[in-house]
């Protein structure tokens, strides 16, 4: 549980800092034998701030809860 908590906390913090990610994709528009025309598409995938906050809080809860549970056993 501790590992999942760390991953969620880091992912939530990154989502809040960056707010999403950009990527590029090459797309063939025309391909006629030796003639080939391609275009590059720039796309953005936004990550809502609410998702980042929820992931961060869930990660912290798993970290704190996991530590309490392991100490009580």
N, C-alpha and C. Protein backbone atom coordinates (compact mmCIF):
# COMPACT_ATOMS: atom_id res chain seq x y z
N UNK A 1 0.82 -1.20 0.00
CA UNK A 1 0.00 0.00 0.00
C UNK A 1 0.87 1.26 0.00
N UNK A 2 2.02 1.14 0.63
CA UNK A 2 2.90 2.30 0.71
C UNK A 2 3.39 2.71 -0.68
N UNK A 3 3.73 1.73 -1.51
CA UNK A 3 4.20 2.02 -2.87
C UNK A 3 3.10 2.69 -3.69
N UNK A 4 1.88 2.18 -3.57
CA UNK A 4 0.75 2.79 -4.30
C UNK A 4 0.53 4.21 -3.83
N UNK A 5 0.65 4.44 -2.52
CA UNK A 5 0.49 5.78 -1.97
C UNK A 5 1.54 6.75 -2.51
N UNK A 6 2.77 6.28 -2.60
CA UNK A 6 3.85 7.13 -3.14
C UNK A 6 3.60 7.46 -4.60
N UNK A 7 3.20 6.45 -5.38
CA UNK A 7 2.94 6.67 -6.81
C UNK A 7 1.78 7.64 -7.00
N UNK A 8 0.70 7.47 -6.23
CA UNK A 8 -0.45 8.38 -6.34
C UNK A 8 -0.08 9.80 -5.93
N UNK A 9 0.69 9.94 -4.87
CA UNK A 9 1.08 11.28 -4.42
C UNK A 9 1.94 11.98 -5.46
N UNK A 10 2.88 11.26 -6.04
CA UNK A 10 3.75 11.86 -7.07
C UNK A 10 2.95 12.19 -8.32
N UNK A 11 2.07 11.28 -8.74
CA UNK A 11 1.24 11.53 -9.93
C UNK A 11 0.31 12.72 -9.71
N UNK A 12 -0.26 12.83 -8.53
CA UNK A 12 -1.13 13.97 -8.22
C UNK A 12 -0.38 15.28 -8.22
N UNK A 13 0.83 15.29 -7.65
CA UNK A 13 1.64 16.51 -7.64
C UNK A 13 2.04 16.91 -9.05
N UNK A 14 2.43 15.94 -9.87
CA UNK A 14 2.79 16.25 -11.26
C UNK A 14 1.59 16.76 -12.06
N UNK A 15 0.43 16.19 -11.81
CA UNK A 15 -0.79 16.65 -12.50
C UNK A 15 -1.10 18.10 -12.13
N UNK A 16 -0.87 18.45 -10.88
CA UNK A 16 -1.12 19.83 -10.45
C UNK A 16 -0.08 20.79 -11.02
N UNK A 17 1.16 20.34 -11.09
CA UNK A 17 2.24 21.21 -11.58
C UNK A 17 2.11 21.44 -13.08
N UNK A 18 1.95 20.36 -13.85
CA UNK A 18 1.97 20.47 -15.31
C UNK A 18 0.58 20.68 -15.91
N UNK A 19 -0.46 20.17 -15.31
CA UNK A 19 -1.81 20.38 -15.80
C UNK A 19 -2.16 19.59 -17.06
N UNK A 20 -1.31 18.71 -17.50
CA UNK A 20 -1.57 17.91 -18.69
C UNK A 20 -0.27 17.65 -19.42
N UNK A 21 -0.40 17.04 -20.60
CA UNK A 21 0.80 16.81 -21.39
C UNK A 21 0.51 16.98 -22.87
N UNK A 22 1.55 17.33 -23.60
CA UNK A 22 1.47 17.54 -25.05
C UNK A 22 2.17 16.40 -25.76
N UNK A 23 1.67 16.07 -26.94
CA UNK A 23 2.35 15.08 -27.76
C UNK A 23 2.16 15.42 -29.23
N UNK A 24 3.05 14.88 -30.04
CA UNK A 24 3.02 15.13 -31.49
C UNK A 24 2.82 13.81 -32.20
N UNK A 25 2.09 13.89 -33.30
CA UNK A 25 1.82 12.69 -34.08
C UNK A 25 1.96 13.01 -35.56
N UNK A 26 2.72 12.19 -36.27
CA UNK A 26 2.85 12.34 -37.71
C UNK A 26 1.74 11.55 -38.38
N UNK A 27 1.08 12.18 -39.35
CA UNK A 27 -0.05 11.55 -40.01
C UNK A 27 0.15 11.62 -41.52
N UNK A 28 -0.01 10.48 -42.21
CA UNK A 28 0.08 10.47 -43.67
C UNK A 28 -1.20 11.06 -44.26
N UNK A 29 -1.03 12.10 -45.09
CA UNK A 29 -2.16 12.71 -45.75
C UNK A 29 -2.35 12.11 -47.14
N UNK A 30 -1.24 11.88 -47.83
CA UNK A 30 -1.29 11.35 -49.20
C UNK A 30 -0.11 10.42 -49.42
N UNK A 31 -0.37 9.26 -50.03
CA UNK A 31 0.70 8.30 -50.31
C UNK A 31 0.44 7.71 -51.69
N UNK A 32 1.10 8.28 -52.70
CA UNK A 32 0.96 7.82 -54.08
C UNK A 32 2.33 7.39 -54.59
N UNK A 33 2.68 6.14 -54.35
CA UNK A 33 3.98 5.65 -54.81
C UNK A 33 5.12 6.42 -54.18
N UNK A 34 5.94 7.07 -55.01
CA UNK A 34 7.09 7.81 -54.47
C UNK A 34 6.68 9.14 -53.82
N UNK A 35 5.47 9.60 -54.06
CA UNK A 35 5.00 10.87 -53.50
C UNK A 35 4.28 10.60 -52.18
N UNK A 36 4.80 11.19 -51.12
CA UNK A 36 4.21 10.99 -49.81
C UNK A 36 4.12 12.34 -49.10
N UNK A 37 2.95 12.68 -48.63
CA UNK A 37 2.75 13.95 -47.91
C UNK A 37 2.30 13.60 -46.50
N UNK A 38 3.01 14.14 -45.54
CA UNK A 38 2.67 13.92 -44.12
C UNK A 38 2.46 15.26 -43.44
N UNK A 39 1.74 15.21 -42.37
CA UNK A 39 1.53 16.40 -41.55
C UNK A 39 1.79 16.04 -40.09
N UNK A 40 2.18 17.01 -39.32
CA UNK A 40 2.44 16.80 -37.90
C UNK A 40 1.32 17.46 -37.10
N UNK A 41 0.70 16.66 -36.25
CA UNK A 41 -0.38 17.16 -35.41
C UNK A 41 0.13 17.32 -33.98
N UNK A 42 -0.10 18.48 -33.41
CA UNK A 42 0.25 18.74 -32.01
C UNK A 42 -1.03 18.65 -31.20
N UNK A 43 -1.03 17.75 -30.24
CA UNK A 43 -2.23 17.55 -29.42
C UNK A 43 -1.89 17.79 -27.96
N UNK A 44 -2.89 18.21 -27.21
CA UNK A 44 -2.76 18.45 -25.78
C UNK A 44 -3.79 17.61 -25.05
N UNK A 45 -3.36 16.92 -24.00
CA UNK A 45 -4.25 16.14 -23.16
C UNK A 45 -4.28 16.80 -21.79
N UNK A 46 -5.32 17.59 -21.50
CA UNK A 46 -5.37 18.28 -20.20
C UNK A 46 -5.79 17.34 -19.08
N UNK A 47 -5.22 17.56 -17.91
CA UNK A 47 -5.61 16.82 -16.71
C UNK A 47 -6.22 17.83 -15.75
N UNK A 48 -7.50 17.67 -15.43
CA UNK A 48 -8.15 18.63 -14.53
C UNK A 48 -7.47 18.69 -13.16
N UNK A 49 -7.48 19.85 -12.57
CA UNK A 49 -6.84 20.04 -11.26
C UNK A 49 -7.50 19.17 -10.20
N UNK A 50 -8.79 18.92 -10.33
CA UNK A 50 -9.51 18.10 -9.35
C UNK A 50 -8.91 16.68 -9.31
N UNK A 51 -8.57 16.15 -10.47
CA UNK A 51 -7.98 14.81 -10.54
C UNK A 51 -6.63 14.80 -9.82
N UNK A 52 -5.84 15.84 -10.01
CA UNK A 52 -4.55 15.94 -9.33
C UNK A 52 -4.70 16.02 -7.82
N UNK A 53 -5.67 16.80 -7.36
CA UNK A 53 -5.89 16.96 -5.92
C UNK A 53 -6.36 15.64 -5.32
N UNK A 54 -7.29 14.96 -6.00
CA UNK A 54 -7.80 13.69 -5.49
C UNK A 54 -6.69 12.64 -5.42
N UNK A 55 -5.86 12.56 -6.45
CA UNK A 55 -4.75 11.60 -6.45
C UNK A 55 -3.76 11.92 -5.35
N UNK A 56 -3.46 13.18 -5.17
CA UNK A 56 -2.51 13.59 -4.12
C UNK A 56 -3.05 13.25 -2.73
N UNK A 57 -4.30 13.56 -2.48
CA UNK A 57 -4.91 13.27 -1.18
C UNK A 57 -4.99 11.76 -0.94
N UNK A 58 -5.38 11.01 -1.98
CA UNK A 58 -5.46 9.56 -1.84
C UNK A 58 -4.09 8.97 -1.54
N UNK A 59 -3.05 9.48 -2.19
CA UNK A 59 -1.70 9.00 -1.93
C UNK A 59 -1.26 9.27 -0.51
N UNK A 60 -1.55 10.46 -0.02
CA UNK A 60 -1.17 10.81 1.36
C UNK A 60 -1.95 9.95 2.35
N UNK A 61 -3.25 9.73 2.08
CA UNK A 61 -4.06 8.89 2.97
C UNK A 61 -3.52 7.46 3.00
N UNK A 62 -3.15 6.93 1.85
CA UNK A 62 -2.58 5.57 1.82
C UNK A 62 -1.25 5.51 2.56
N UNK A 63 -0.43 6.55 2.42
CA UNK A 63 0.85 6.56 3.13
C UNK A 63 0.64 6.61 4.64
N UNK A 64 -0.22 7.50 5.09
CA UNK A 64 -0.46 7.64 6.53
C UNK A 64 -1.19 6.42 7.06
N UNK A 65 -2.22 5.96 6.36
CA UNK A 65 -2.98 4.79 6.80
C UNK A 65 -2.15 3.53 6.78
N UNK A 66 -1.30 3.38 5.80
CA UNK A 66 -0.43 2.21 5.73
C UNK A 66 0.57 2.17 6.86
N UNK A 67 1.08 3.33 7.25
CA UNK A 67 2.03 3.39 8.37
C UNK A 67 1.34 3.06 9.69
N UNK A 68 0.12 3.54 9.89
CA UNK A 68 -0.62 3.27 11.13
C UNK A 68 -0.95 1.78 11.23
N UNK A 69 -1.37 1.19 10.12
CA UNK A 69 -1.76 -0.21 10.14
C UNK A 69 -0.56 -1.12 10.41
N UNK A 70 0.60 -0.80 9.81
CA UNK A 70 1.78 -1.64 10.00
C UNK A 70 2.33 -1.52 11.42
N UNK A 71 2.14 -0.40 12.07
CA UNK A 71 2.63 -0.22 13.45
C UNK A 71 1.74 -0.94 14.45
N UNK A 72 0.45 -1.06 14.16
CA UNK A 72 -0.46 -1.67 15.13
C UNK A 72 -0.37 -3.18 15.14
N UNK A 73 0.23 -3.80 14.14
CA UNK A 73 0.30 -5.28 14.07
C UNK A 73 1.48 -5.80 14.82
